[in-house]
Amino acid sequence: MIFVTLGTQKFQMNRLIKAVDEMAPGYSEEFFVQTGSSNYTPRNCSYKDFMDAETYNKKIAECSCCDHFYYVCL
């Protein structure tokens, strides 16, 4: 799974979510986007606006079980 997280700030990241949503069909991996305060609704990705710490950590565990794990802080 590819997990895209935007944090909990009030700022929208609609362009990033849209870009991820548009590229998702080209990959065999499942995409999950934590959309935060953004109002773009992904069509090709699972998503949730905000998550509690337990749910967030479960998502991290789901995507970090592969050979390569990348954590990018923007």
PDB file of N, CA and C in Angstrom:
ATOM      1  N   MET A   1       0.833  -1.172   0.000  1.00  0.00           N
ATOM      2  CA  MET A   1       0.000   0.000   0.000  1.00  0.00           C
ATOM      3  C   MET A   1       0.885   1.245   0.000  1.00  0.00           C
ATOM      4  N   ILE A   2       0.443   2.234  -0.736  1.00  0.00           N
ATOM      5  CA  ILE A   2       1.099   3.534  -0.740  1.00  0.00           C
ATOM      6  C   ILE A   2       0.231   4.469   0.094  1.00  0.00           C
ATOM      7  N   PHE A   3       0.800   4.994   1.159  1.00  0.00           N
ATOM      8  CA  PHE A   3       0.078   5.818   2.129  1.00  0.00           C
ATOM      9  C   PHE A   3       0.557   7.256   1.993  1.00  0.00           C
ATOM     10  N   VAL A   4      -0.366   8.140   1.644  1.00  0.00           N
ATOM     11  CA  VAL A   4      -0.060   9.558   1.504  1.00  0.00           C
ATOM     12  C   VAL A   4      -0.745  10.277   2.651  1.00  0.00           C
ATOM     13  N   THR A   5       0.031  10.960   3.473  1.00  0.00           N
ATOM     14  CA  THR A   5      -0.536  11.657   4.614  1.00  0.00           C
ATOM     15  C   THR A   5      -0.182  13.137   4.557  1.00  0.00           C
ATOM     16  N   LEU A   6      -1.144  13.972   4.885  1.00  0.00           N
ATOM     17  CA  LEU A   6      -0.969  15.413   4.765  1.00  0.00           C
ATOM     18  C   LEU A   6      -0.953  16.132   6.101  1.00  0.00           C
ATOM     19  N   GLY A   7      -1.154  15.413   7.177  1.00  0.00           N
ATOM     20  CA  GLY A   7      -1.101  16.041   8.485  1.00  0.00           C
ATOM     21  C   GLY A   7      -2.430  16.626   8.924  1.00  0.00           C
ATOM     22  N   THR A   8      -2.375  17.456   9.940  1.00  0.00           N
ATOM     23  CA  THR A   8      -3.601  17.961  10.569  1.00  0.00           C
ATOM     24  C   THR A   8      -3.739  19.474  10.486  1.00  0.00           C
ATOM     25  N   GLN A   9      -2.918  20.125   9.713  1.00  0.00           N
ATOM     26  CA  GLN A   9      -3.015  21.576   9.582  1.00  0.00           C
ATOM     27  C   GLN A   9      -4.259  21.966   8.798  1.00  0.00           C
ATOM     28  N   LYS A  10      -4.645  23.229   8.876  1.00  0.00           N
ATOM     29  CA  LYS A  10      -5.860  23.710   8.214  1.00  0.00           C
ATOM     30  C   LYS A  10      -5.672  23.958   6.721  1.00  0.00           C
ATOM     31  N   PHE A  11      -4.460  23.772   6.223  1.00  0.00           N
ATOM     32  CA  PHE A  11      -4.168  24.083   4.831  1.00  0.00           C
ATOM     33  C   PHE A  11      -4.584  22.942   3.904  1.00  0.00           C
ATOM     34  N   GLN A  12      -5.140  23.316   2.757  1.00  0.00           N
ATOM     35  CA  GLN A  12      -5.566  22.318   1.776  1.00  0.00           C
ATOM     36  C   GLN A  12      -4.399  21.941   0.875  1.00  0.00           C
ATOM     37  N   MET A  13      -4.395  20.679   0.464  1.00  0.00           N
ATOM     38  CA  MET A  13      -3.368  20.158  -0.437  1.00  0.00           C
ATOM     39  C   MET A  13      -4.057  19.494  -1.633  1.00  0.00           C
ATOM     40  N   ASN A  14      -5.054  20.175  -2.186  1.00  0.00           N
ATOM     41  CA  ASN A  14      -5.868  19.612  -3.250  1.00  0.00           C
ATOM     42  C   ASN A  14      -5.057  19.193  -4.471  1.00  0.00           C
ATOM     43  N   ARG A  15      -4.065  19.976  -4.851  1.00  0.00           N
ATOM     44  CA  ARG A  15      -3.276  19.630  -6.053  1.00  0.00           C
ATOM     45  C   ARG A  15      -2.492  18.346  -5.844  1.00  0.00           C
ATOM     46  N   LEU A  16      -1.944  18.148  -4.656  1.00  0.00           N
ATOM     47  CA  LEU A  16      -1.212  16.910  -4.365  1.00  0.00           C
ATOM     48  C   LEU A  16      -2.154  15.712  -4.387  1.00  0.00           C
ATOM     49  N   ILE A  17      -3.305  15.839  -3.752  1.00  0.00           N
ATOM     50  CA  ILE A  17      -4.269  14.729  -3.724  1.00  0.00           C
ATOM     51  C   ILE A  17      -4.737  14.405  -5.134  1.00  0.00           C
ATOM     52  N   LYS A  18      -5.014  15.422  -5.925  1.00  0.00           N
ATOM     53  CA  LYS A  18      -5.458  15.196  -7.303  1.00  0.00           C
ATOM     54  C   LYS A  18      -4.368  14.493  -8.116  1.00  0.00           C
ATOM     55  N   ALA A  19      -3.119  14.907  -7.947  1.00  0.00           N
ATOM     56  CA  ALA A  19      -2.010  14.272  -8.680  1.00  0.00           C
ATOM     57  C   ALA A  19      -1.875  12.801  -8.295  1.00  0.00           C
ATOM     58  N   VAL A  20      -1.952  12.496  -7.005  1.00  0.00           N
ATOM     59  CA  VAL A  20      -1.879  11.104  -6.540  1.00  0.00           C
ATOM     60  C   VAL A  20      -3.070  10.316  -7.076  1.00  0.00           C
ATOM     61  N   ASP A  21      -4.249  10.903  -7.018  1.00  0.00           N
ATOM     62  CA  ASP A  21      -5.468  10.251  -7.488  1.00  0.00           C
ATOM     63  C   ASP A  21      -5.390   9.925  -8.984  1.00  0.00           C
ATOM     64  N   GLU A  22      -4.811  10.822  -9.757  1.00  0.00           N
ATOM     65  CA  GLU A  22      -4.701  10.610 -11.200  1.00  0.00           C
ATOM     66  C   GLU A  22      -3.647   9.571 -11.550  1.00  0.00           C
ATOM     67  N   MET A  23      -2.611   9.430 -10.728  1.00  0.00           N
ATOM     68  CA  MET A  23      -1.572   8.440 -11.047  1.00  0.00           C
ATOM     69  C   MET A  23      -1.885   7.058 -10.481  1.00  0.00           C
ATOM     70  N   ALA A  24      -2.763   6.965  -9.500  1.00  0.00           N
ATOM     71  CA  ALA A  24      -3.051   5.689  -8.831  1.00  0.00           C
ATOM     72  C   ALA A  24      -3.466   4.564  -9.778  1.00  0.00           C
ATOM     73  N   PRO A  25      -4.309   4.820 -10.795  1.00  0.00           N
ATOM     74  CA  PRO A  25      -4.703   3.704 -11.674  1.00  0.00           C
ATOM     75  C   PRO A  25      -3.539   3.066 -12.432  1.00  0.00           C
ATOM     76  N   GLY A  26      -2.428   3.740 -12.538  1.00  0.00           N
ATOM     77  CA  GLY A  26      -1.269   3.205 -13.252  1.00  0.00           C
ATOM     78  C   GLY A  26      -0.403   2.268 -12.429  1.00  0.00           C
ATOM     79  N   TYR A  27      -0.792   2.017 -11.191  1.00  0.00           N
ATOM     80  CA  TYR A  27      -0.001   1.177 -10.294  1.00  0.00           C
ATOM     81  C   TYR A  27      -0.846   0.022  -9.773  1.00  0.00           C
ATOM     82  N   SER A  28      -0.205  -1.076  -9.492  1.00  0.00           N
ATOM     83  CA  SER A  28      -0.926  -2.234  -8.953  1.00  0.00           C
ATOM     84  C   SER A  28      -1.125  -2.120  -7.444  1.00  0.00           C
ATOM     85  N   GLU A  29      -0.419  -1.211  -6.804  1.00  0.00           N
ATOM     86  CA  GLU A  29      -0.541  -1.001  -5.361  1.00  0.00           C
ATOM     87  C   GLU A  29      -1.834  -0.261  -5.023  1.00  0.00           C
ATOM     88  N   GLU A  30      -2.359  -0.546  -3.840  1.00  0.00           N
ATOM     89  CA  GLU A  30      -3.478   0.218  -3.311  1.00  0.00           C
ATOM     90  C   GLU A  30      -2.939   1.550  -2.787  1.00  0.00           C
ATOM     91  N   PHE A  31      -3.693   2.620  -2.995  1.00  0.00           N
ATOM     92  CA  PHE A  31      -3.332   3.929  -2.467  1.00  0.00           C
ATOM     93  C   PHE A  31      -4.315   4.303  -1.369  1.00  0.00           C
ATOM     94  N   PHE A  32      -3.800   4.876  -0.293  1.00  0.00           N
ATOM     95  CA  PHE A  32      -4.644   5.421   0.772  1.00  0.00           C
ATOM     96  C   PHE A  32      -4.152   6.830   1.064  1.00  0.00           C
ATOM     97  N   VAL A  33      -5.081   7.791   1.046  1.00  0.00           N
ATOM     98  CA  VAL A  33      -4.724   9.189   1.260  1.00  0.00           C
ATOM     99  C   VAL A  33      -5.426   9.714   2.506  1.00  0.00           C
ATOM    100  N   GLN A  34      -4.647  10.260   3.419  1.00  0.00           N
ATOM    101  CA  GLN A  34      -5.211  10.977   4.561  1.00  0.00           C
ATOM    102  C   GLN A  34      -5.297  12.419   4.086  1.00  0.00           C
ATOM    103  N   THR A  35      -6.518  12.891   3.766  1.00  0.00           N
ATOM    104  CA  THR A  35      -6.715  14.148   3.051  1.00  0.00           C
ATOM    105  C   THR A  35      -6.667  15.395   3.913  1.00  0.00           C
ATOM    106  N   GLY A  36      -6.759  15.260   5.219  1.00  0.00           N
ATOM    107  CA  GLY A  36      -6.709  16.440   6.079  1.00  0.00           C
ATOM    108  C   GLY A  36      -7.841  17.408   5.777  1.00  0.00           C
ATOM    109  N   SER A  37      -7.527  18.682   5.673  1.00  0.00           N
ATOM    110  CA  SER A  37      -8.530  19.730   5.451  1.00  0.00           C
ATOM    111  C   SER A  37      -8.851  19.954   3.980  1.00  0.00           C
ATOM    112  N   SER A  38      -8.270  19.183   3.099  1.00  0.00           N
ATOM    113  CA  SER A  38      -8.509  19.352   1.660  1.00  0.00           C
ATOM    114  C   SER A  38      -9.942  18.997   1.309  1.00  0.00           C
ATOM    115  N   ASN A  39     -10.447  19.616   0.248  1.00  0.00           N
ATOM    116  CA  ASN A  39     -11.826  19.320  -0.162  1.00  0.00           C
ATOM    117  C   ASN A  39     -11.902  18.564  -1.487  1.00  0.00           C
ATOM    118  N   TYR A  40     -10.762  18.179  -2.054  1.00  0.00           N
ATOM    119  CA  TYR A  40     -10.759  17.321  -3.242  1.00  0.00           C
ATOM    120  C   TYR A  40     -11.096  15.895  -2.787  1.00  0.00           C
ATOM    121  N   THR A  41     -12.030  15.262  -3.490  1.00  0.00           N
ATOM    122  CA  THR A  41     -12.430  13.894  -3.152  1.00  0.00           C
ATOM    123  C   THR A  41     -11.792  12.917  -4.134  1.00  0.00           C
ATOM    124  N   PRO A  42     -10.869  12.072  -3.667  1.00  0.00           N
ATOM    125  CA  PRO A  42     -10.240  11.097  -4.561  1.00  0.00           C
ATOM    126  C   PRO A  42     -11.247  10.095  -5.118  1.00  0.00           C
ATOM    127  N   ARG A  43     -11.067   9.743  -6.393  1.00  0.00           N
ATOM    128  CA  ARG A  43     -11.934   8.756  -7.045  1.00  0.00           C
ATOM    129  C   ARG A  43     -11.235   7.405  -7.173  1.00  0.00           C
ATOM    130  N   ASN A  44      -9.918   7.414  -7.158  1.00  0.00           N
ATOM    131  CA  ASN A  44      -9.151   6.187  -7.410  1.00  0.00           C
ATOM    132  C   ASN A  44      -8.379   5.701  -6.188  1.00  0.00           C
ATOM    133  N   CYS A  45      -8.583   6.336  -5.068  1.00  0.00           N
ATOM    134  CA  CYS A  45      -7.851   6.000  -3.840  1.00  0.00           C
ATOM    135  C   CYS A  45      -8.831   5.890  -2.681  1.00  0.00           C
ATOM    136  N   SER A  46      -8.515   5.024  -1.747  1.00  0.00           N
ATOM    137  CA  SER A  46      -9.230   5.040  -0.475  1.00  0.00           C
ATOM    138  C   SER A  46      -8.747   6.273   0.272  1.00  0.00           C
ATOM    139  N   TYR A  47      -9.597   6.841   1.119  1.00  0.00           N
ATOM    140  CA  TYR A  47      -9.185   8.056   1.826  1.00  0.00           C
ATOM    141  C   TYR A  47      -9.975   8.256   3.106  1.00  0.00           C
ATOM    142  N   LYS A  48      -9.440   9.098   3.951  1.00  0.00           N
ATOM    143  CA  LYS A  48     -10.095   9.537   5.179  1.00  0.00           C
ATOM    144  C   LYS A  48      -9.513  10.904   5.501  1.00  0.00           C
ATOM    145  N   ASP A  49     -10.334  11.799   6.008  1.00  0.00           N
ATOM    146  CA  ASP A  49      -9.822  13.136   6.275  1.00  0.00           C
ATOM    147  C   ASP A  49      -8.832  13.153   7.443  1.00  0.00           C
ATOM    148  N   PHE A  50      -9.233  12.662   8.600  1.00  0.00           N
ATOM    149  CA  PHE A  50      -8.349  12.626   9.765  1.00  0.00           C
ATOM    150  C   PHE A  50      -8.425  11.259  10.421  1.00  0.00           C
ATOM    151  N   MET A  51      -7.347  10.872  11.099  1.00  0.00           N
ATOM    152  CA  MET A  51      -7.288   9.574  11.788  1.00  0.00           C
ATOM    153  C   MET A  51      -6.738   9.774  13.186  1.00  0.00           C
ATOM    154  N   ASP A  52      -7.191   8.936  14.090  1.00  0.00           N
ATOM    155  CA  ASP A  52      -6.579   8.949  15.413  1.00  0.00           C
ATOM    156  C   ASP A  52      -5.214   8.250  15.318  1.00  0.00           C
ATOM    157  N   ALA A  53      -4.419   8.360  16.362  1.00  0.00           N
ATOM    158  CA  ALA A  53      -3.058   7.825  16.343  1.00  0.00           C
ATOM    159  C   ALA A  53      -3.031   6.323  16.106  1.00  0.00           C
ATOM    160  N   GLU A  54      -3.964   5.600  16.675  1.00  0.00           N
ATOM    161  CA  GLU A  54      -3.989   4.142  16.515  1.00  0.00           C
ATOM    162  C   GLU A  54      -4.226   3.749  15.056  1.00  0.00           C
ATOM    163  N   THR A  55      -5.208   4.380  14.419  1.00  0.00           N
ATOM    164  CA  THR A  55      -5.511   4.087  13.014  1.00  0.00           C
ATOM    165  C   THR A  55      -4.337   4.484  12.125  1.00  0.00           C
ATOM    166  N   TYR A  56      -3.750   5.638  12.398  1.00  0.00           N
ATOM    167  CA  TYR A  56      -2.597   6.116  11.626  1.00  0.00           C
ATOM    168  C   TYR A  56      -1.445   5.109  11.715  1.00  0.00           C
ATOM    169  N   ASN A  57      -1.140   4.652  12.908  1.00  0.00           N
ATOM    170  CA  ASN A  57      -0.047   3.687  13.093  1.00  0.00           C
ATOM    171  C   ASN A  57      -0.330   2.355  12.406  1.00  0.00           C
ATOM    172  N   LYS A  58      -1.590   1.946  12.362  1.00  0.00           N
ATOM    173  CA  LYS A  58      -1.952   0.719  11.635  1.00  0.00           C
ATOM    174  C   LYS A  58      -1.697   0.888  10.144  1.00  0.00           C
ATOM    175  N   LYS A  59      -2.030   2.061   9.608  1.00  0.00           N
ATOM    176  CA  LYS A  59      -1.779   2.319   8.182  1.00  0.00           C
ATOM    177  C   LYS A  59      -0.278   2.305   7.894  1.00  0.00           C
ATOM    178  N   ILE A  60       0.511   2.903   8.771  1.00  0.00           N
ATOM    179  CA  ILE A  60       1.970   2.886   8.607  1.00  0.00           C
ATOM    180  C   ILE A  60       2.465   1.448   8.594  1.00  0.00           C
ATOM    181  N   ALA A  61       1.973   0.631   9.511  1.00  0.00           N
ATOM    182  CA  ALA A  61       2.391  -0.774   9.582  1.00  0.00           C
ATOM    183  C   ALA A  61       2.013  -1.530   8.312  1.00  0.00           C
ATOM    184  N   GLU A  62       0.852  -1.223   7.741  1.00  0.00           N
ATOM    185  CA  GLU A  62       0.416  -1.894   6.509  1.00  0.00           C
ATOM    186  C   GLU A  62       1.346  -1.585   5.342  1.00  0.00           C
ATOM    187  N   CYS A  63       1.831  -0.373   5.270  1.00  0.00           N
ATOM    188  CA  CYS A  63       2.644  -0.015   4.104  1.00  0.00           C
ATOM    189  C   CYS A  63       4.132  -0.229   4.335  1.00  0.00           C
ATOM    190  N   SER A  64       4.552  -0.481   5.563  1.00  0.00           N
ATOM    191  CA  SER A  64       5.979  -0.618   5.810  1.00  0.00           C
ATOM    192  C   SER A  64       6.445  -2.062   5.875  1.00  0.00           C
ATOM    193  N   CYS A  65       5.618  -2.985   5.445  1.00  0.00           N
ATOM    194  CA  CYS A  65       6.010  -4.393   5.504  1.00  0.00           C
ATOM    195  C   CYS A  65       6.719  -4.851   4.235  1.00  0.00           C
ATOM    196  N   CYS A  66       6.932  -3.952   3.297  1.00  0.00           N
ATOM    197  CA  CYS A  66       7.601  -4.337   2.056  1.00  0.00           C
ATOM    198  C   CYS A  66       9.119  -4.192   2.199  1.00  0.00           C
ATOM    199  N   ASP A  67       9.850  -4.556   1.158  1.00  0.00           N
ATOM    200  CA  ASP A  67      11.313  -4.513   1.189  1.00  0.00           C
ATOM    201  C   ASP A  67      11.854  -3.093   1.324  1.00  0.00           C
ATOM    202  N   HIS A  68      11.164  -2.148   0.723  1.00  0.00           N
ATOM    203  CA  HIS A  68      11.628  -0.761   0.743  1.00  0.00           C
ATOM    204  C   HIS A  68      10.546   0.109   1.359  1.00  0.00           C
ATOM    205  N   PHE A  69      10.921   0.882   2.335  1.00  0.00           N
ATOM    206  CA  PHE A  69       9.982   1.768   3.002  1.00  0.00           C
ATOM    207  C   PHE A  69      10.539   3.186   2.923  1.00  0.00           C
ATOM    208  N   TYR A  70       9.774   4.067   2.337  1.00  0.00           N
ATOM    209  CA  TYR A  70      10.202   5.455   2.204  1.00  0.00           C
ATOM    210  C   TYR A  70       9.299   6.338   3.034  1.00  0.00           C
ATOM    211  N   TYR A  71       9.896   7.199   3.827  1.00  0.00           N
ATOM    212  CA  TYR A  71       9.149   8.156   4.617  1.00  0.00           C
ATOM    213  C   TYR A  71       9.603   9.531   4.150  1.00  0.00           C
ATOM    214  N   VAL A  72       8.702  10.275   3.566  1.00  0.00           N
ATOM    215  CA  VAL A  72       9.045  11.588   3.042  1.00  0.00           C
ATOM    216  C   VAL A  72       8.244  12.632   3.797  1.00  0.00           C
ATOM    217  N   CYS A  73       8.908  13.553   4.386  1.00  0.00           N
ATOM    218  CA  CYS A  73       8.265  14.644   5.105  1.00  0.00           C
ATOM    219  C   CYS A  73       8.349  15.883   4.237  1.00  0.00           C
ATOM    220  N   LEU A  74       7.204  16.403   3.853  1.00  0.00           N
ATOM    221  CA  LEU A  74       7.188  17.615   3.017  1.00  0.00           C
ATOM    222  C   LEU A  74       6.996  18.843   3.876  1.00  0.00           C
TER     223      LEU A  74
END
